[in-house]
Protein backbone atom coordinates (compact mmCIF):
# COMPACT_ATOMS: atom_id res chain seq x y z
CA UNK A 1 1.23 21.06 -0.64
CA UNK A 2 -1.07 23.88 -1.27
CA UNK A 3 -1.51 26.53 -3.87
CA UNK A 4 0.04 25.97 -7.29
CA UNK A 5 0.64 27.74 -10.51
CA UNK A 6 -2.40 29.57 -11.81
CA UNK A 7 -1.37 28.72 -15.38
CA UNK A 8 -2.24 25.05 -15.56
CA UNK A 9 -0.24 22.84 -17.86
CA UNK A 10 -2.15 20.24 -19.86
CA UNK A 11 -0.51 16.86 -20.06
CA UNK A 12 -1.73 13.63 -21.60
CA UNK A 13 -2.83 10.52 -19.78
CA UNK A 14 -2.79 7.18 -21.57
CA UNK A 15 -4.83 4.34 -20.14
CA UNK A 16 -3.81 0.85 -21.22
CA UNK A 17 -6.61 -1.71 -21.10
CA UNK A 18 -6.36 -5.37 -21.93
CA UNK A 19 -8.26 -6.16 -25.13
CA UNK A 20 -10.11 -9.39 -25.74
CA UNK A 21 -7.39 -10.77 -27.99
CA UNK A 22 -4.69 -10.05 -25.41
CA UNK A 23 -3.43 -6.90 -27.10
CA UNK A 24 -3.64 -3.47 -25.50
CA UNK A 25 -6.28 -0.94 -26.42
CA UNK A 26 -5.17 2.65 -25.84
CA UNK A 27 -7.37 5.56 -24.85
CA UNK A 28 -5.83 9.04 -24.53
CA UNK A 29 -7.41 11.48 -22.13
CA UNK A 30 -6.53 15.12 -21.47
CA UNK A 31 -5.89 15.99 -17.80
CA UNK A 32 -4.86 19.18 -16.08
CA UNK A 33 -1.74 19.10 -13.95
CA UNK A 34 -1.59 21.28 -10.84
CA UNK A 35 -5.19 20.65 -9.79
CA UNK A 36 -6.91 18.32 -7.36
CA UNK A 37 -4.50 16.20 -5.35
CA UNK A 38 -1.51 18.45 -6.02
CA UNK A 39 -3.01 21.15 -3.85
CA UNK A 40 -3.27 18.98 -0.69
CA UNK A 41 -0.94 19.31 2.25
CA UNK A 42 -0.31 20.19 5.83
CA UNK A 43 -3.01 22.82 5.61
CA UNK A 44 -5.63 20.08 5.85
CA UNK A 45 -7.19 20.08 2.38
CA UNK A 46 -7.89 16.53 1.30
CA UNK A 47 -7.43 15.69 -2.39
CA UNK A 48 -10.11 13.80 -4.30
CA UNK A 49 -9.70 10.05 -4.00
CA UNK A 50 -8.41 8.39 -7.18
CA UNK A 51 -10.74 6.06 -9.00
CA UNK A 52 -9.95 2.38 -8.25
CA UNK A 53 -8.11 0.67 -11.07
CA UNK A 54 -6.29 -2.60 -11.47
CA UNK A 55 -4.83 -1.70 -14.87
CA UNK A 56 -1.68 0.38 -15.39
CA UNK A 57 -2.23 4.06 -16.13
CA UNK A 58 0.44 5.97 -18.02
CA UNK A 59 0.53 9.75 -17.88
CA UNK A 60 3.08 11.30 -20.18
CA UNK A 61 3.95 13.98 -22.66
CA UNK A 62 6.57 13.91 -25.45
CA UNK A 63 10.07 13.87 -23.89
CA UNK A 64 8.57 14.71 -20.54
CA UNK A 65 8.75 11.39 -18.73
CA UNK A 66 6.11 8.91 -17.68
CA UNK A 67 3.97 8.23 -14.63
CA UNK A 68 2.73 4.62 -14.42
CA UNK A 69 0.01 3.85 -11.87
CA UNK A 70 -1.01 0.39 -10.69
CA UNK A 71 -3.05 -1.02 -7.84
CA UNK A 72 -1.89 -3.73 -5.44
CA UNK A 73 -3.13 -5.19 -2.18
CA UNK A 74 -1.12 -4.36 0.95
CA UNK A 75 -1.36 -6.86 3.79
CA UNK A 76 0.26 -4.43 6.20
CA UNK A 77 -2.13 -1.60 5.35
CA UNK A 78 -5.08 -4.01 5.06
CA UNK A 79 -6.31 -2.33 1.89
CA UNK A 80 -5.59 -1.85 -1.78
CA UNK A 81 -3.05 0.85 -2.56
CA UNK A 82 -1.78 2.54 -5.67
CA UNK A 83 1.84 2.49 -6.78
CA UNK A 84 2.98 5.40 -8.96
CA UNK A 85 6.24 4.89 -10.86
CA UNK A 86 7.90 7.97 -12.36
CA UNK A 87 10.15 7.07 -15.29
CA UNK A 88 12.34 9.05 -17.67
CA UNK A 89 10.72 7.39 -20.70
CA UNK A 90 8.11 4.88 -21.82
CA UNK A 91 10.81 2.33 -22.65
CA UNK A 92 12.62 2.53 -19.32
CA UNK A 93 13.14 -0.81 -17.57
CA UNK A 94 15.46 -2.55 -15.12
CA UNK A 95 16.11 0.71 -13.29
CA UNK A 96 17.38 1.49 -9.80
CA UNK A 97 14.73 3.09 -7.59
CA UNK A 98 14.43 6.01 -5.23
CA UNK A 99 11.41 5.65 -2.95
CA UNK A 100 9.17 8.73 -2.83
CA UNK A 101 6.91 9.35 0.19
CA UNK A 102 3.94 11.66 -0.14
CA UNK A 103 2.75 14.41 2.18
CA UNK A 104 -0.16 14.64 4.59
CA UNK A 105 -3.53 13.99 2.94
CA UNK A 106 -1.61 12.97 -0.18
CA UNK A 107 -1.31 9.79 -2.21
CA UNK A 108 1.03 8.09 -4.64
CA UNK A 109 -0.06 10.12 -7.66
CA UNK A 110 0.36 13.48 -5.92
CA UNK A 111 3.61 12.52 -4.14
CA UNK A 112 6.05 14.67 -6.19
CA UNK A 113 4.07 17.87 -5.74
CA UNK A 114 5.13 18.89 -9.25
CA UNK A 115 6.47 17.67 -12.57
CA UNK A 116 8.91 15.04 -11.31
CA UNK A 117 8.65 12.88 -14.44
CA UNK A 118 9.57 15.88 -16.56
CA UNK A 119 12.52 16.81 -14.34
CA UNK A 120 13.73 13.21 -14.45
CA UNK A 121 13.38 12.91 -18.24
CA UNK A 122 15.22 16.19 -18.75
CA UNK A 123 18.10 15.23 -16.46
CA UNK A 124 18.55 11.89 -18.19
CA UNK A 125 18.32 13.42 -21.68
CA UNK A 126 21.00 16.00 -20.80
CA UNK A 127 23.28 13.36 -19.33
CA UNK A 128 23.14 14.83 -15.83
CA UNK A 129 22.12 11.48 -14.33
CA UNK A 130 21.88 7.86 -15.35
CA UNK A 131 18.32 6.57 -15.81
CA UNK A 132 16.50 5.66 -12.59
CA UNK A 133 12.94 5.70 -11.29
CA UNK A 134 11.02 7.23 -8.42
CA UNK A 135 8.34 4.99 -6.91
CA UNK A 136 5.54 6.27 -4.67
CA UNK A 137 2.83 4.34 -2.87
CA UNK A 138 -0.28 5.30 -0.89
CA UNK A 139 0.79 5.57 2.74
CA UNK A 140 -2.30 7.00 4.39
CA UNK A 141 -3.57 10.54 4.91
CA UNK A 142 -2.08 11.26 8.33
CA UNK A 143 0.12 8.31 9.31
CA UNK A 144 3.48 10.09 9.32
CA UNK A 145 4.65 6.83 7.76
CA UNK A 146 4.69 4.82 11.00
CA UNK A 147 2.48 2.14 12.50
CA UNK A 148 -1.05 3.14 13.42
CA UNK A 149 -3.92 1.03 14.67
CA UNK A 150 -4.71 -1.55 11.94
CA UNK A 151 -2.42 0.28 9.49
CA UNK A 152 1.36 -0.07 9.11
CA UNK A 153 2.71 1.90 6.13
CA UNK A 154 6.31 1.57 7.33
CA UNK A 155 6.11 -2.24 7.30
CA UNK A 156 4.62 -1.98 3.80
CA UNK A 157 7.70 -0.03 2.67
CA UNK A 158 10.13 -2.44 4.29
CA UNK A 159 8.45 -5.78 3.59
CA UNK A 160 6.17 -5.39 0.56
CA UNK A 161 7.77 -2.73 -1.63
CA UNK A 162 10.82 -4.93 -2.44
CA UNK A 163 8.55 -7.70 -3.73
CA UNK A 164 6.45 -5.31 -5.79
CA UNK A 165 9.53 -3.67 -7.29
CA UNK A 166 11.26 -6.97 -8.11
CA UNK A 167 8.09 -8.22 -9.81
CA UNK A 168 8.25 -5.15 -12.06
CA UNK A 169 11.94 -5.42 -12.83
CA UNK A 170 12.85 -2.44 -10.68
CA UNK A 171 15.37 -2.00 -7.89
CA UNK A 172 17.57 -4.93 -8.86
CA UNK A 173 16.98 -8.61 -8.06
CA UNK A 174 15.92 -7.84 -4.49
CA UNK A 175 13.80 -4.80 -5.33
CA UNK A 176 15.60 -2.58 -2.85
CA UNK A 177 15.41 1.22 -3.24
CA UNK A 178 18.90 2.75 -3.13
CA UNK A 179 17.55 6.07 -1.83
CA UNK A 180 14.45 7.61 -0.28
CA UNK A 181 12.84 10.99 -0.80
CA UNK A 182 9.77 12.70 0.57
CA UNK A 183 7.82 15.93 0.72
CA UNK A 184 6.33 17.38 3.91
CA UNK A 185 5.06 14.45 6.01
CA UNK A 186 6.90 12.28 3.51
CA UNK A 187 10.15 14.04 4.42
CA UNK A 188 9.60 13.00 8.03
CA UNK A 189 8.87 9.47 6.81
CA UNK A 190 11.98 9.41 4.63
CA UNK A 191 14.21 9.80 7.69
CA UNK A 192 12.26 7.13 9.56
CA UNK A 193 12.51 4.69 6.65
CA UNK A 194 16.25 5.34 6.29
CA UNK A 195 16.68 4.73 10.02
CA UNK A 196 14.91 1.36 9.85
CA UNK A 197 17.00 0.35 6.84
CA UNK A 198 20.13 1.26 8.80
CA UNK A 199 18.95 -0.82 11.76
CA UNK A 200 18.62 -3.76 9.38
CA UNK A 201 22.21 -3.18 8.21
CA UNK A 202 20.82 -2.47 4.75
CA UNK A 203 21.21 1.33 4.55
CA UNK A 204 20.05 3.63 1.79
CA UNK A 205 22.65 5.76 0.07
CA UNK A 206 20.77 9.05 0.09
CA UNK A 207 17.83 10.91 1.67
CA UNK A 208 16.18 13.78 -0.20
CA UNK A 209 13.85 15.79 2.03
CA UNK A 210 11.73 18.51 0.43
CA UNK A 211 9.95 20.87 2.82
CA UNK A 212 10.05 18.13 5.49
CA UNK A 213 7.55 18.35 8.34
CA UNK A 214 10.16 18.97 11.04
CA UNK A 215 7.86 20.35 13.70
CA UNK A 216 9.65 21.70 16.74
CA UNK A 217 7.03 21.43 19.49
CA UNK A 218 4.72 18.72 20.79
CA UNK A 219 1.98 21.33 21.15
CA UNK A 220 1.95 21.76 17.38
CA UNK A 221 2.58 18.12 16.47
CA UNK A 222 -0.15 16.85 18.81
CA UNK A 223 -2.75 18.71 16.73
CA UNK A 224 -2.12 16.22 13.92
CA UNK A 225 -3.13 13.25 16.09
CA UNK A 226 -0.51 11.06 14.40
CA UNK A 227 1.31 9.88 17.55
CA UNK A 228 0.06 8.32 20.77
CA UNK A 229 2.01 10.73 22.95
CA UNK A 230 5.03 12.99 23.06
CA UNK A 231 7.39 10.11 23.81
CA UNK A 232 6.39 8.21 20.67
CA UNK A 233 6.87 11.31 18.53
CA UNK A 234 10.24 12.09 20.12
CA UNK A 235 11.42 8.54 19.46
CA UNK A 236 10.91 9.08 15.72
CA UNK A 237 11.48 12.82 15.28
CA UNK A 238 14.43 13.38 12.89
CA UNK A 239 15.54 16.40 14.92
CA UNK A 240 16.01 14.16 17.96
CA UNK A 241 17.61 11.29 16.05
CA UNK A 242 20.16 13.00 13.86
CA UNK A 243 22.64 10.12 13.73
CA UNK A 244 20.25 7.20 13.29
CA UNK A 245 20.33 6.84 9.48
CA UNK A 246 23.97 5.81 9.18
CA UNK A 247 26.10 7.20 6.39
CA UNK A 248 23.26 8.13 4.05
CA UNK A 249 23.90 11.48 2.36
CA UNK A 250 21.18 14.02 3.07
CA UNK A 251 19.84 16.75 0.80
CA UNK A 252 17.26 19.21 2.12
CA UNK A 253 15.22 21.90 0.35
CA UNK A 254 12.73 24.29 1.95
CA UNK A 255 11.19 27.66 1.18
CA UNK A 256 11.81 30.49 3.63
CA UNK A 257 8.07 31.22 3.75
CA UNK A 258 7.29 27.57 4.60
CA UNK A 259 5.89 26.97 8.08
CA UNK A 260 8.48 24.20 8.54
CA UNK A 261 11.50 26.44 7.93
CA UNK A 262 12.34 26.71 11.65
CA UNK A 263 12.77 22.96 12.03
CA UNK A 264 14.61 22.74 8.72
CA UNK A 265 17.07 25.42 9.80
CA UNK A 266 17.65 23.57 13.06
CA UNK A 267 18.37 20.37 11.16
CA UNK A 268 20.74 22.11 8.76
CA UNK A 269 22.64 23.78 11.58
CA UNK A 270 23.01 20.61 13.62
CA UNK A 271 23.34 17.86 11.00
CA UNK A 272 25.17 19.70 8.19
CA UNK A 273 23.55 17.89 5.23
CA UNK A 274 25.54 17.76 2.00
CA UNK A 275 22.82 19.85 0.31
CA UNK A 276 21.07 22.51 2.37
CA UNK A 277 18.99 24.71 0.07
CA UNK A 278 16.66 27.38 1.41
CA UNK A 279 15.28 30.32 -0.50
CA UNK A 280 12.13 32.25 -1.33
CA UNK A 281 9.06 30.04 -1.53
CA UNK A 282 6.27 28.41 0.39
CA UNK A 283 4.83 24.96 0.93
CA UNK A 284 3.43 24.64 -2.57
CA UNK A 285 3.79 23.35 -6.12
CA UNK A 286 5.61 26.44 -7.35
CA UNK A 287 8.48 25.80 -4.92
CA UNK A 288 8.51 22.05 -5.55
CA UNK A 289 8.77 22.49 -9.31
CA UNK A 290 11.66 24.88 -8.81
CA UNK A 291 13.72 22.44 -6.72
CA UNK A 292 12.80 19.09 -8.33
CA UNK A 293 15.57 19.27 -10.97
CA UNK A 294 18.14 19.72 -8.18
CA UNK A 295 16.57 16.88 -6.21
CA UNK A 296 16.83 14.58 -9.24
CA UNK A 297 20.50 15.44 -9.74
CA UNK A 298 21.25 14.92 -6.04
CA UNK A 299 19.60 11.51 -5.96
CA UNK A 300 21.16 10.55 -9.30
CA UNK A 301 24.65 11.11 -7.91
CA UNK A 302 24.08 8.24 -5.48
CA UNK A 303 22.95 5.54 -7.91
CA UNK A 304 24.85 2.33 -7.08
């Protein structure tokens, strides 16, 4: 995700810290949306690393939704990772969850590429969808959401995310996301995650892929150094595994100036997703903000 709106919107970030008496002390900080991590993506620009924190961070604005950030330890990734939960309001709880996978060189905080919390809050307030949450987690800069040496983000999603969600009262008693979404590399990962859920006979209901990294040649994909060889890539490539995610409904959005539009058009022509939206736009925050309301409504239609 690169570029972004030149008119930066100021939102508010609230940091909750445990006070000595067990209450919560609140510090409000001004932050600028659309900068830093939001401008990462396939172009190879790495966002600044977030400061380590073990306390929840809430970023919100009046009636604009909430982003809650926490840090946990992943055994499968062998490191601490951040979980970002995007909620329609500060009082939201016991919600179904759509997993959200970030793009290349991204992280949990930057995963939506735009104002997802605002789009979610607006859709819920207008009655377009029932309340639900998006949950993102750090999956690595260039993993394409599959197992790498000493790093297995896909196993983290399948084995650890349910526990983390259940502990937070999300995703039902078993902490299972009902849907998966992703941007860029995360779009590729969303199809892979849905496929593994299908193989476990525990399918997701919907896949929302925004500007997914559907690269059509090994020559181009090999430059990313994310797969051992062409055979490994082909075994996971959504374009070569169209029927592997079961009956999950697919929605796909991509700008016509996006470098991934060729692969997206191939997928749309061959797989016939229930939503196939292409139009003017690139691989950037401006396009993501334009389509996020539609993405929220699409996912919301598949809440159990």
